[in-house]
Amino acid sequence: MLTYSNSNKVMEPSTISKNGASRKSYTRRGNLLTVLVCAMIALFCASCSSSTNIAKGSLNPLKGQEKVNVVLDFSGTLDEWELTQRNAGEKRAQLLSERNEQLRIEAYKLLIEKMNNVVQRKRFTVGNYPNAKYTIYVQVKDLKHGTHLGFNSAVTADVSFEKTGAANPMAVVTCYSLGRYSYYIESWASRTAVAFGYLGDNIGKVILKNLK
């Protein structure tokens, strides 16, 4: 028995059956390959979402503290970016200034919130406590604002653990944090601030690792 094909060729039914099975096999393999590629990308993104080195120095003096001060410094990054935009006009400069202030507020809030979620296991609280005996000084070194429906925000910061008023820090560490899924957020300030939440979580983990 012969079967007609639109290509004006004839094929045995058994051959058609084999070809059909072969196409299904290719489809399954293609689906499996897609899943594997997606899994690898997810693992890569997870591994790149944060990077924290072990602190150089000792955090032992923080033992027994009830409150630790935290300072977030944007000098050299956000402030310079703002100043370079002043050529756009007074109204534009005012808008940028207000937007940057919103970022400072939201970034500090998330930084403290996420850090406290971790360090309170060690029975002390971090926050705006200028009279505290010790200070965690977070100096922003590089800041990526990300784009809406494009790229995530990210921050790199040098973190110093200091006795308040002392000339030299007890310990220092550099942290990189990616604001995962922040690209969903349209607001420039809120999107950028997400990275500081992850930064707070990373700093908290540094404290747990080094506070023995």
N, C-alpha and C. Protein backbone atom coordinates (compact mmCIF):
# COMPACT_ATOMS: atom_id res chain seq x y z
N MET A 1 0.85 -1.19 0.00
CA MET A 1 0.00 0.00 0.00
C MET A 1 0.88 1.24 0.00
N LEU A 2 0.57 2.21 -0.84
CA LEU A 2 1.33 3.43 -0.93
C LEU A 2 0.52 4.61 -0.41
N THR A 3 1.21 5.58 0.08
CA THR A 3 0.55 6.77 0.62
C THR A 3 1.02 7.99 -0.14
N TYR A 4 0.08 8.89 -0.51
CA TYR A 4 0.42 10.09 -1.29
C TYR A 4 0.93 11.20 -0.37
N SER A 5 1.92 11.94 -0.82
CA SER A 5 2.47 13.07 -0.08
C SER A 5 2.36 14.31 -0.93
N ASN A 6 2.21 15.48 -0.29
CA ASN A 6 2.11 16.74 -1.03
C ASN A 6 3.37 17.07 -1.82
N SER A 7 4.44 16.38 -1.49
CA SER A 7 5.70 16.64 -2.20
C SER A 7 5.81 15.79 -3.45
N ASN A 8 4.69 15.09 -3.78
CA ASN A 8 4.67 14.22 -4.95
C ASN A 8 5.59 13.03 -4.82
N LYS A 9 5.96 12.70 -3.61
CA LYS A 9 6.77 11.53 -3.33
C LYS A 9 5.92 10.54 -2.57
N VAL A 10 6.29 9.29 -2.64
CA VAL A 10 5.55 8.25 -1.92
C VAL A 10 6.44 7.68 -0.85
N MET A 11 5.83 7.30 0.25
CA MET A 11 6.57 6.71 1.36
C MET A 11 5.77 5.57 1.93
N GLU A 12 6.49 4.61 2.43
CA GLU A 12 5.84 3.50 3.09
C GLU A 12 5.28 3.98 4.42
N PRO A 13 4.15 3.44 4.88
CA PRO A 13 3.58 3.82 6.18
C PRO A 13 4.56 3.64 7.32
N SER A 14 5.37 2.59 7.25
CA SER A 14 6.34 2.34 8.33
C SER A 14 7.38 3.46 8.41
N THR A 15 7.73 3.98 7.22
CA THR A 15 8.71 5.08 7.19
C THR A 15 8.13 6.34 7.79
N ILE A 16 6.84 6.61 7.48
CA ILE A 16 6.15 7.76 8.04
C ILE A 16 6.10 7.66 9.55
N SER A 17 5.81 6.47 10.02
CA SER A 17 5.74 6.25 11.46
C SER A 17 7.06 6.53 12.13
N LYS A 18 8.15 6.06 11.50
CA LYS A 18 9.48 6.28 12.08
C LYS A 18 9.84 7.76 12.09
N ASN A 19 9.50 8.43 10.97
CA ASN A 19 9.81 9.86 10.90
C ASN A 19 9.04 10.65 11.94
N GLY A 20 7.77 10.26 12.15
CA GLY A 20 6.96 10.93 13.17
C GLY A 20 7.56 10.75 14.54
N ALA A 21 7.99 9.52 14.82
CA ALA A 21 8.62 9.25 16.11
C ALA A 21 9.90 10.04 16.27
N SER A 22 10.64 10.15 15.12
CA SER A 22 11.89 10.89 15.16
C SER A 22 11.65 12.35 15.48
N ARG A 23 10.60 12.95 14.87
CA ARG A 23 10.28 14.35 15.16
C ARG A 23 9.92 14.56 16.62
N LYS A 24 9.15 13.63 17.19
CA LYS A 24 8.80 13.72 18.61
C LYS A 24 10.04 13.64 19.49
N SER A 25 10.97 12.76 19.06
CA SER A 25 12.21 12.62 19.83
C SER A 25 13.00 13.91 19.82
N TYR A 26 13.08 14.55 18.62
CA TYR A 26 13.79 15.82 18.54
C TYR A 26 13.11 16.88 19.41
N THR A 27 11.79 16.88 19.44
CA THR A 27 11.05 17.84 20.25
C THR A 27 11.35 17.65 21.73
N ARG A 28 11.37 16.39 22.17
CA ARG A 28 11.68 16.11 23.59
C ARG A 28 13.09 16.56 23.93
N ARG A 29 14.02 16.23 23.03
CA ARG A 29 15.41 16.63 23.27
C ARG A 29 15.54 18.16 23.32
N GLY A 30 14.81 18.82 22.41
CA GLY A 30 14.84 20.28 22.41
C GLY A 30 14.29 20.86 23.69
N ASN A 31 13.20 20.30 24.19
CA ASN A 31 12.61 20.77 25.44
C ASN A 31 13.54 20.55 26.61
N LEU A 32 14.20 19.37 26.62
CA LEU A 32 15.14 19.05 27.70
C LEU A 32 16.32 20.01 27.68
N LEU A 33 16.82 20.29 26.47
CA LEU A 33 17.95 21.22 26.34
C LEU A 33 17.56 22.61 26.84
N THR A 34 16.35 23.05 26.51
CA THR A 34 15.87 24.36 26.96
C THR A 34 15.82 24.44 28.48
N VAL A 35 15.30 23.37 29.10
CA VAL A 35 15.23 23.32 30.56
C VAL A 35 16.61 23.38 31.18
N LEU A 36 17.56 22.63 30.61
CA LEU A 36 18.93 22.61 31.15
C LEU A 36 19.59 23.97 31.03
N VAL A 37 19.39 24.64 29.87
CA VAL A 37 19.98 25.96 29.66
C VAL A 37 19.41 26.97 30.65
N CYS A 38 18.08 26.92 30.85
CA CYS A 38 17.43 27.83 31.80
C CYS A 38 17.94 27.61 33.22
N ALA A 39 18.13 26.32 33.57
CA ALA A 39 18.63 25.99 34.91
C ALA A 39 20.04 26.53 35.11
N MET A 40 20.88 26.40 34.07
CA MET A 40 22.25 26.89 34.17
C MET A 40 22.28 28.40 34.30
N ILE A 41 21.41 29.08 33.53
CA ILE A 41 21.34 30.54 33.61
C ILE A 41 20.90 30.98 35.00
N ALA A 42 19.91 30.27 35.56
CA ALA A 42 19.40 30.61 36.90
C ALA A 42 20.49 30.45 37.95
N LEU A 43 21.27 29.35 37.84
CA LEU A 43 22.36 29.12 38.79
C LEU A 43 23.43 30.19 38.66
N PHE A 44 23.72 30.57 37.40
CA PHE A 44 24.73 31.60 37.18
C PHE A 44 24.31 32.93 37.77
N CYS A 45 23.04 33.29 37.54
CA CYS A 45 22.52 34.56 38.07
C CYS A 45 22.53 34.56 39.59
N ALA A 46 22.18 33.41 40.19
CA ALA A 46 22.16 33.31 41.65
C ALA A 46 23.56 33.49 42.21
N SER A 47 24.56 32.88 41.51
CA SER A 47 25.94 32.97 42.00
C SER A 47 26.50 34.38 41.84
N CYS A 48 25.97 35.12 40.85
CA CYS A 48 26.47 36.48 40.60
C CYS A 48 25.68 37.55 41.35
N SER A 49 24.63 37.15 42.06
CA SER A 49 23.76 38.14 42.68
C SER A 49 24.41 38.81 43.88
N SER A 50 25.42 38.18 44.44
CA SER A 50 26.10 38.79 45.56
C SER A 50 27.51 38.26 45.68
N SER A 51 28.38 39.08 46.19
CA SER A 51 29.76 38.68 46.41
C SER A 51 30.26 39.40 47.65
N THR A 52 30.69 38.62 48.63
CA THR A 52 31.13 39.19 49.89
C THR A 52 32.42 38.52 50.33
N ASN A 53 33.46 39.31 50.54
CA ASN A 53 34.71 38.76 51.04
C ASN A 53 34.69 38.71 52.57
N ILE A 54 35.50 37.83 53.12
CA ILE A 54 35.61 37.74 54.58
C ILE A 54 36.25 39.03 55.10
N ALA A 55 35.70 39.55 56.17
CA ALA A 55 36.21 40.80 56.73
C ALA A 55 37.66 40.64 57.19
N LYS A 56 38.47 41.67 56.90
CA LYS A 56 39.85 41.70 57.37
C LYS A 56 39.88 42.46 58.69
N GLY A 57 40.18 41.76 59.75
CA GLY A 57 40.17 42.36 61.08
C GLY A 57 39.27 41.58 62.01
N SER A 58 38.91 42.18 63.13
CA SER A 58 38.10 41.50 64.13
C SER A 58 36.82 42.28 64.43
N LEU A 59 35.73 41.54 64.54
CA LEU A 59 34.45 42.13 64.91
C LEU A 59 34.08 41.81 66.36
N ASN A 60 34.98 41.17 67.07
CA ASN A 60 34.69 40.76 68.44
C ASN A 60 34.24 41.89 69.36
N PRO A 61 34.75 43.13 69.17
CA PRO A 61 34.28 44.22 70.05
C PRO A 61 32.77 44.48 69.97
N LEU A 62 32.12 44.00 68.92
CA LEU A 62 30.67 44.19 68.80
C LEU A 62 29.87 43.30 69.75
N LYS A 63 30.54 42.32 70.33
CA LYS A 63 29.85 41.44 71.29
C LYS A 63 29.34 42.24 72.48
N GLY A 64 28.14 41.96 72.85
CA GLY A 64 27.56 42.60 74.03
C GLY A 64 26.95 43.97 73.76
N GLN A 65 27.05 44.46 72.52
CA GLN A 65 26.45 45.75 72.20
C GLN A 65 24.94 45.61 72.01
N GLU A 66 24.21 46.62 72.42
CA GLU A 66 22.76 46.63 72.20
C GLU A 66 22.40 47.34 70.91
N LYS A 67 23.15 48.41 70.58
CA LYS A 67 22.89 49.18 69.38
C LYS A 67 24.20 49.49 68.66
N VAL A 68 24.16 49.42 67.34
CA VAL A 68 25.32 49.76 66.52
C VAL A 68 24.88 50.75 65.45
N ASN A 69 25.61 51.84 65.31
CA ASN A 69 25.26 52.88 64.34
C ASN A 69 25.61 52.45 62.92
N VAL A 70 24.82 52.88 61.95
CA VAL A 70 25.11 52.60 60.54
C VAL A 70 25.06 53.90 59.75
N VAL A 71 26.11 54.15 58.99
CA VAL A 71 26.20 55.34 58.13
C VAL A 71 26.30 54.86 56.68
N LEU A 72 25.43 55.41 55.82
CA LEU A 72 25.45 55.09 54.40
C LEU A 72 25.92 56.32 53.63
N ASP A 73 27.05 56.20 52.96
CA ASP A 73 27.69 57.35 52.31
C ASP A 73 27.70 57.15 50.79
N PHE A 74 27.03 58.07 50.07
CA PHE A 74 26.98 58.02 48.61
C PHE A 74 28.04 58.91 47.96
N SER A 75 28.89 59.55 48.75
CA SER A 75 29.87 60.50 48.22
C SER A 75 30.72 59.85 47.13
N GLY A 76 30.91 60.61 46.06
CA GLY A 76 31.75 60.11 44.98
C GLY A 76 30.98 59.30 43.95
N THR A 77 29.71 59.02 44.21
CA THR A 77 28.90 58.26 43.24
C THR A 77 27.65 59.06 42.90
N LEU A 78 26.66 58.99 43.74
CA LEU A 78 25.38 59.66 43.47
C LEU A 78 25.53 61.17 43.48
N ASP A 79 26.29 61.70 44.45
CA ASP A 79 26.43 63.15 44.56
C ASP A 79 27.09 63.76 43.33
N GLU A 80 28.16 63.12 42.85
CA GLU A 80 28.84 63.63 41.67
C GLU A 80 27.93 63.52 40.45
N TRP A 81 27.17 62.43 40.37
CA TRP A 81 26.24 62.26 39.25
C TRP A 81 25.22 63.40 39.26
N GLU A 82 24.76 63.76 40.43
CA GLU A 82 23.77 64.83 40.55
C GLU A 82 24.36 66.16 40.09
N LEU A 83 25.59 66.44 40.51
CA LEU A 83 26.21 67.71 40.17
C LEU A 83 26.45 67.86 38.67
N THR A 84 26.77 66.75 38.01
CA THR A 84 27.03 66.81 36.58
C THR A 84 25.76 67.12 35.79
N GLN A 85 24.61 66.91 36.41
CA GLN A 85 23.35 67.16 35.72
C GLN A 85 22.82 68.59 35.89
N ARG A 86 23.47 69.38 36.68
CA ARG A 86 22.97 70.73 36.95
C ARG A 86 23.00 71.63 35.71
N ASN A 87 23.80 71.23 34.74
CA ASN A 87 23.83 72.01 33.50
C ASN A 87 22.50 71.93 32.75
N ALA A 88 21.65 70.99 33.12
CA ALA A 88 20.37 70.81 32.44
C ALA A 88 19.37 71.89 32.84
N GLY A 89 19.70 72.70 33.83
CA GLY A 89 18.80 73.76 34.24
C GLY A 89 18.37 73.62 35.70
N GLU A 90 17.93 74.71 36.28
CA GLU A 90 17.58 74.74 37.70
C GLU A 90 16.42 73.80 38.03
N LYS A 91 15.39 73.80 37.20
CA LYS A 91 14.23 72.94 37.45
C LYS A 91 14.62 71.47 37.41
N ARG A 92 15.42 71.12 36.42
CA ARG A 92 15.90 69.74 36.28
C ARG A 92 16.78 69.35 37.46
N ALA A 93 17.63 70.25 37.90
CA ALA A 93 18.51 69.99 39.03
C ALA A 93 17.71 69.75 40.30
N GLN A 94 16.63 70.53 40.49
CA GLN A 94 15.77 70.36 41.65
C GLN A 94 15.10 69.00 41.64
N LEU A 95 14.65 68.58 40.47
CA LEU A 95 14.02 67.28 40.33
C LEU A 95 15.00 66.16 40.66
N LEU A 96 16.22 66.28 40.17
CA LEU A 96 17.25 65.27 40.44
C LEU A 96 17.60 65.22 41.92
N SER A 97 17.67 66.40 42.53
CA SER A 97 17.99 66.47 43.94
C SER A 97 16.92 65.76 44.79
N GLU A 98 15.66 65.99 44.45
CA GLU A 98 14.57 65.35 45.18
C GLU A 98 14.57 63.84 44.95
N ARG A 99 14.87 63.42 43.74
CA ARG A 99 14.91 62.00 43.43
C ARG A 99 16.05 61.30 44.16
N ASN A 100 17.20 61.97 44.24
CA ASN A 100 18.33 61.40 44.95
C ASN A 100 18.05 61.29 46.45
N GLU A 101 17.34 62.28 46.98
CA GLU A 101 16.99 62.23 48.40
C GLU A 101 16.05 61.07 48.68
N GLN A 102 15.11 60.82 47.76
CA GLN A 102 14.22 59.67 47.90
C GLN A 102 15.02 58.38 47.91
N LEU A 103 16.03 58.30 47.04
CA LEU A 103 16.87 57.11 47.01
C LEU A 103 17.62 56.92 48.32
N ARG A 104 18.17 58.01 48.85
CA ARG A 104 18.91 57.90 50.11
C ARG A 104 18.01 57.35 51.23
N ILE A 105 16.80 57.84 51.29
CA ILE A 105 15.86 57.41 52.34
C ILE A 105 15.48 55.94 52.15
N GLU A 106 15.09 55.57 50.94
CA GLU A 106 14.65 54.19 50.69
C GLU A 106 15.80 53.21 50.82
N ALA A 107 16.99 53.59 50.34
CA ALA A 107 18.16 52.72 50.41
C ALA A 107 18.55 52.44 51.86
N TYR A 108 18.57 53.49 52.68
CA TYR A 108 18.96 53.32 54.08
C TYR A 108 17.93 52.45 54.81
N LYS A 109 16.66 52.67 54.53
CA LYS A 109 15.60 51.90 55.18
C LYS A 109 15.73 50.41 54.88
N LEU A 110 15.94 50.07 53.61
CA LEU A 110 16.07 48.66 53.23
C LEU A 110 17.37 48.06 53.77
N LEU A 111 18.45 48.84 53.72
CA LEU A 111 19.74 48.38 54.25
C LEU A 111 19.61 47.96 55.71
N ILE A 112 19.00 48.84 56.52
CA ILE A 112 18.85 48.59 57.95
C ILE A 112 17.90 47.43 58.20
N GLU A 113 16.79 47.42 57.49
CA GLU A 113 15.78 46.38 57.69
C GLU A 113 16.35 44.99 57.44
N LYS A 114 17.04 44.82 56.31
CA LYS A 114 17.57 43.51 55.96
C LYS A 114 18.75 43.12 56.86
N MET A 115 19.56 44.09 57.25
CA MET A 115 20.67 43.79 58.14
C MET A 115 20.18 43.34 59.51
N ASN A 116 19.15 44.02 60.00
CA ASN A 116 18.58 43.65 61.30
C ASN A 116 17.95 42.26 61.28
N ASN A 117 17.38 41.87 60.13
CA ASN A 117 16.80 40.54 60.03
C ASN A 117 17.82 39.45 60.31
N VAL A 118 19.09 39.78 60.04
CA VAL A 118 20.16 38.80 60.24
C VAL A 118 20.85 38.98 61.59
N VAL A 119 21.28 40.20 61.90
CA VAL A 119 22.15 40.40 63.07
C VAL A 119 21.41 40.34 64.40
N GLN A 120 20.10 40.48 64.41
CA GLN A 120 19.39 40.41 65.68
C GLN A 120 19.51 39.04 66.34
N ARG A 121 19.93 38.06 65.56
CA ARG A 121 20.23 36.75 66.15
C ARG A 121 21.40 36.87 67.12
N LYS A 122 22.22 37.90 66.92
CA LYS A 122 23.35 38.14 67.81
C LYS A 122 23.00 39.14 68.91
N ARG A 123 21.69 39.47 69.01
CA ARG A 123 21.17 40.27 70.12
C ARG A 123 21.62 41.72 70.13
N PHE A 124 21.83 42.30 68.97
CA PHE A 124 21.98 43.76 68.93
C PHE A 124 21.29 44.28 67.68
N THR A 125 20.99 45.59 67.71
CA THR A 125 20.23 46.23 66.65
C THR A 125 21.09 47.26 65.95
N VAL A 126 20.97 47.34 64.61
CA VAL A 126 21.70 48.36 63.85
C VAL A 126 20.70 49.41 63.38
N GLY A 127 21.21 50.64 63.19
CA GLY A 127 20.33 51.71 62.75
C GLY A 127 20.98 53.07 62.91
N ASN A 128 20.18 54.10 62.93
CA ASN A 128 20.67 55.47 63.07
C ASN A 128 20.86 55.80 64.54
N TYR A 129 21.99 55.35 65.07
CA TYR A 129 22.31 55.55 66.48
C TYR A 129 23.67 56.25 66.58
N PRO A 130 23.74 57.56 66.32
CA PRO A 130 25.02 58.27 66.30
C PRO A 130 25.77 58.25 67.63
N ASN A 131 25.07 57.98 68.72
CA ASN A 131 25.75 57.94 70.03
C ASN A 131 26.22 56.54 70.40
N ALA A 132 26.02 55.58 69.51
CA ALA A 132 26.44 54.20 69.79
C ALA A 132 27.97 54.13 69.84
N LYS A 133 28.47 53.13 70.53
CA LYS A 133 29.91 52.99 70.70
C LYS A 133 30.60 52.59 69.41
N TYR A 134 29.89 51.84 68.57
CA TYR A 134 30.49 51.36 67.32
C TYR A 134 29.63 51.75 66.12
N THR A 135 30.30 51.90 64.97
CA THR A 135 29.64 52.33 63.74
C THR A 135 30.02 51.41 62.58
N ILE A 136 29.03 51.07 61.78
CA ILE A 136 29.27 50.37 60.52
C ILE A 136 29.16 51.41 59.42
N TYR A 137 30.28 51.69 58.76
CA TYR A 137 30.34 52.75 57.75
C TYR A 137 30.31 52.12 56.36
N VAL A 138 29.24 52.41 55.62
CA VAL A 138 29.05 51.82 54.29
C VAL A 138 29.33 52.88 53.23
N GLN A 139 30.46 52.74 52.55
CA GLN A 139 30.86 53.69 51.51
C GLN A 139 30.53 53.10 50.13
N VAL A 140 29.57 53.71 49.45
CA VAL A 140 29.19 53.24 48.11
C VAL A 140 30.31 53.57 47.13
N LYS A 141 30.81 52.53 46.43
CA LYS A 141 31.89 52.72 45.48
C LYS A 141 31.40 52.72 44.03
N ASP A 142 30.38 51.93 43.77
CA ASP A 142 29.84 51.85 42.41
C ASP A 142 28.35 51.55 42.49
N LEU A 143 27.57 52.22 41.64
CA LEU A 143 26.11 52.10 41.71
C LEU A 143 25.52 51.98 40.32
N LYS A 144 24.78 50.90 40.10
CA LYS A 144 24.07 50.70 38.84
C LYS A 144 22.57 50.84 39.12
N HIS A 145 21.92 51.76 38.43
CA HIS A 145 20.51 52.04 38.69
C HIS A 145 19.57 51.06 38.00
N GLY A 146 20.07 50.32 37.02
CA GLY A 146 19.22 49.40 36.28
C GLY A 146 18.23 50.14 35.40
N THR A 147 17.39 49.39 34.70
CA THR A 147 16.37 49.99 33.85
C THR A 147 15.07 49.21 33.99
N HIS A 148 13.96 49.91 33.82
CA HIS A 148 12.66 49.27 33.93
C HIS A 148 12.49 48.25 32.80
N LEU A 149 12.20 47.01 33.17
CA LEU A 149 12.03 45.89 32.25
C LEU A 149 13.30 45.62 31.44
N GLY A 150 14.44 46.02 32.02
CA GLY A 150 15.71 45.81 31.33
C GLY A 150 16.75 45.14 32.22
N PHE A 151 17.38 45.94 33.08
CA PHE A 151 18.47 45.45 33.90
C PHE A 151 18.19 45.69 35.38
N ASN A 152 18.75 44.81 36.22
CA ASN A 152 18.65 44.96 37.67
C ASN A 152 19.60 46.04 38.17
N SER A 153 19.27 46.61 39.30
CA SER A 153 20.18 47.55 39.96
C SER A 153 21.26 46.75 40.69
N ALA A 154 22.37 47.42 41.01
CA ALA A 154 23.48 46.75 41.70
C ALA A 154 24.30 47.78 42.45
N VAL A 155 24.96 47.32 43.51
CA VAL A 155 25.79 48.23 44.30
C VAL A 155 27.04 47.50 44.78
N THR A 156 28.15 48.23 44.75
CA THR A 156 29.40 47.75 45.34
C THR A 156 29.78 48.74 46.44
N ALA A 157 30.11 48.23 47.62
CA ALA A 157 30.41 49.12 48.74
C ALA A 157 31.56 48.59 49.58
N ASP A 158 32.36 49.53 50.09
CA ASP A 158 33.38 49.19 51.09
C ASP A 158 32.75 49.40 52.46
N VAL A 159 32.80 48.37 53.30
CA VAL A 159 32.16 48.42 54.61
C VAL A 159 33.22 48.39 55.70
N SER A 160 33.22 49.42 56.54
CA SER A 160 34.19 49.51 57.64
C SER A 160 33.46 49.38 58.97
N PHE A 161 34.02 48.60 59.86
CA PHE A 161 33.49 48.43 61.22
C PHE A 161 34.42 49.22 62.15
N GLU A 162 33.88 50.26 62.76
CA GLU A 162 34.73 51.20 63.48
C GLU A 162 34.25 51.45 64.91
N LYS A 163 35.17 51.75 65.77
CA LYS A 163 34.81 52.32 67.06
C LYS A 163 34.52 53.79 66.78
N THR A 164 33.34 54.25 67.12
CA THR A 164 32.90 55.59 66.76
C THR A 164 33.92 56.65 67.18
N GLY A 165 34.38 57.42 66.20
CA GLY A 165 35.36 58.47 66.45
C GLY A 165 36.80 58.03 66.29
N ALA A 166 37.05 56.73 66.13
CA ALA A 166 38.41 56.23 66.01
C ALA A 166 38.97 56.52 64.62
N ALA A 167 40.29 56.62 64.52
CA ALA A 167 40.93 56.95 63.25
C ALA A 167 40.96 55.77 62.29
N ASN A 168 41.13 54.57 62.84
CA ASN A 168 41.26 53.38 62.00
C ASN A 168 40.15 52.37 62.30
N PRO A 169 39.65 51.68 61.27
CA PRO A 169 38.58 50.69 61.48
C PRO A 169 39.10 49.41 62.13
N MET A 170 38.21 48.70 62.78
CA MET A 170 38.55 47.40 63.36
C MET A 170 38.63 46.35 62.27
N ALA A 171 37.77 46.49 61.25
CA ALA A 171 37.69 45.51 60.17
C ALA A 171 37.09 46.16 58.94
N VAL A 172 37.44 45.63 57.77
CA VAL A 172 36.90 46.15 56.51
C VAL A 172 36.53 44.98 55.60
N VAL A 173 35.56 45.23 54.72
CA VAL A 173 35.14 44.21 53.77
C VAL A 173 34.49 44.90 52.58
N THR A 174 34.62 44.31 51.40
CA THR A 174 33.98 44.83 50.20
C THR A 174 32.82 43.91 49.81
N CYS A 175 31.67 44.50 49.55
CA CYS A 175 30.47 43.72 49.22
C CYS A 175 29.89 44.18 47.88
N TYR A 176 29.47 43.19 47.08
CA TYR A 176 28.74 43.48 45.85
C TYR A 176 27.37 42.83 45.95
N SER A 177 26.33 43.58 45.62
CA SER A 177 24.97 43.05 45.72
C SER A 177 24.14 43.44 44.50
N LEU A 178 23.41 42.48 43.99
CA LEU A 178 22.53 42.69 42.85
C LEU A 178 21.08 42.74 43.33
N GLY A 179 20.35 43.76 42.90
CA GLY A 179 18.94 43.88 43.28
C GLY A 179 18.09 42.98 42.40
N ARG A 180 18.01 41.72 42.75
CA ARG A 180 17.31 40.74 41.91
C ARG A 180 15.84 41.14 41.68
N TYR A 181 15.43 41.02 40.43
CA TYR A 181 14.07 41.32 39.99
C TYR A 181 13.70 42.80 40.14
N SER A 182 14.68 43.65 40.41
CA SER A 182 14.38 45.08 40.57
C SER A 182 13.97 45.70 39.24
N TYR A 183 14.30 45.07 38.13
CA TYR A 183 13.94 45.64 36.83
C TYR A 183 12.43 45.72 36.61
N TYR A 184 11.67 45.03 37.46
CA TYR A 184 10.21 45.13 37.38
C TYR A 184 9.70 46.48 37.88
N ILE A 185 10.53 47.18 38.68
CA ILE A 185 10.10 48.42 39.32
C ILE A 185 10.36 49.60 38.40
N GLU A 186 9.34 50.40 38.16
CA GLU A 186 9.46 51.54 37.25
C GLU A 186 10.18 52.71 37.90
N SER A 187 9.91 52.97 39.18
CA SER A 187 10.51 54.10 39.88
C SER A 187 12.03 53.95 39.96
N TRP A 188 12.76 54.99 39.51
CA TRP A 188 14.22 54.97 39.52
C TRP A 188 14.78 54.77 40.92
N ALA A 189 14.27 55.54 41.88
CA ALA A 189 14.78 55.47 43.24
C ALA A 189 14.48 54.12 43.88
N SER A 190 13.24 53.66 43.76
CA SER A 190 12.83 52.39 44.38
C SER A 190 13.57 51.22 43.75
N ARG A 191 13.78 51.27 42.44
CA ARG A 191 14.49 50.19 41.75
C ARG A 191 15.94 50.12 42.24
N THR A 192 16.58 51.27 42.34
CA THR A 192 17.97 51.31 42.80
C THR A 192 18.08 50.85 44.24
N ALA A 193 17.11 51.22 45.07
CA ALA A 193 17.15 50.92 46.50
C ALA A 193 17.10 49.42 46.78
N VAL A 194 16.49 48.65 45.87
CA VAL A 194 16.38 47.20 46.09
C VAL A 194 17.76 46.58 46.32
N ALA A 195 18.76 47.04 45.59
CA ALA A 195 20.12 46.49 45.74
C ALA A 195 20.64 46.68 47.15
N PHE A 196 20.21 47.75 47.83
CA PHE A 196 20.69 48.01 49.19
C PHE A 196 20.05 47.07 50.20
N GLY A 197 18.87 46.55 49.88
CA GLY A 197 18.30 45.51 50.73
C GLY A 197 19.16 44.27 50.71
N TYR A 198 19.60 43.88 49.53
CA TYR A 198 20.48 42.71 49.41
C TYR A 198 21.84 43.00 50.03
N LEU A 199 22.28 44.25 49.94
CA LEU A 199 23.55 44.63 50.56
C LEU A 199 23.45 44.48 52.08
N GLY A 200 22.34 44.92 52.66
CA GLY A 200 22.14 44.77 54.10
C GLY A 200 22.16 43.31 54.53
N ASP A 201 21.54 42.45 53.73
CA ASP A 201 21.54 41.02 54.02
C ASP A 201 22.97 40.47 53.99
N ASN A 202 23.74 40.90 53.00
CA ASN A 202 25.12 40.42 52.88
C ASN A 202 26.00 40.89 54.04
N ILE A 203 25.83 42.15 54.44
CA ILE A 203 26.62 42.67 55.56
C ILE A 203 26.25 41.92 56.84
N GLY A 204 24.96 41.64 57.01
CA GLY A 204 24.52 40.88 58.17
C GLY A 204 25.19 39.51 58.22
N LYS A 205 25.30 38.87 57.06
CA LYS A 205 25.95 37.55 57.01
C LYS A 205 27.43 37.64 57.32
N VAL A 206 28.07 38.74 56.89
CA VAL A 206 29.48 38.96 57.23
C VAL A 206 29.65 39.02 58.75
N ILE A 207 28.73 39.74 59.40
CA ILE A 207 28.80 39.86 60.85
C ILE A 207 28.67 38.50 61.52
N LEU A 208 27.71 37.70 61.06
CA LEU A 208 27.51 36.38 61.65
C LEU A 208 28.72 35.50 61.45
N LYS A 209 29.34 35.57 60.28
CA LYS A 209 30.51 34.73 59.99
C LYS A 209 31.72 35.11 60.82
N ASN A 210 31.85 36.40 61.10
CA ASN A 210 33.06 36.90 61.75
C ASN A 210 32.92 37.18 63.24
N LEU A 211 31.69 37.21 63.73
CA LEU A 211 31.48 37.50 65.15
C LEU A 211 31.45 36.18 65.91
N LYS A 212 32.59 35.82 66.49
CA LYS A 212 32.70 34.53 67.16
C LYS A 212 32.91 34.72 68.65
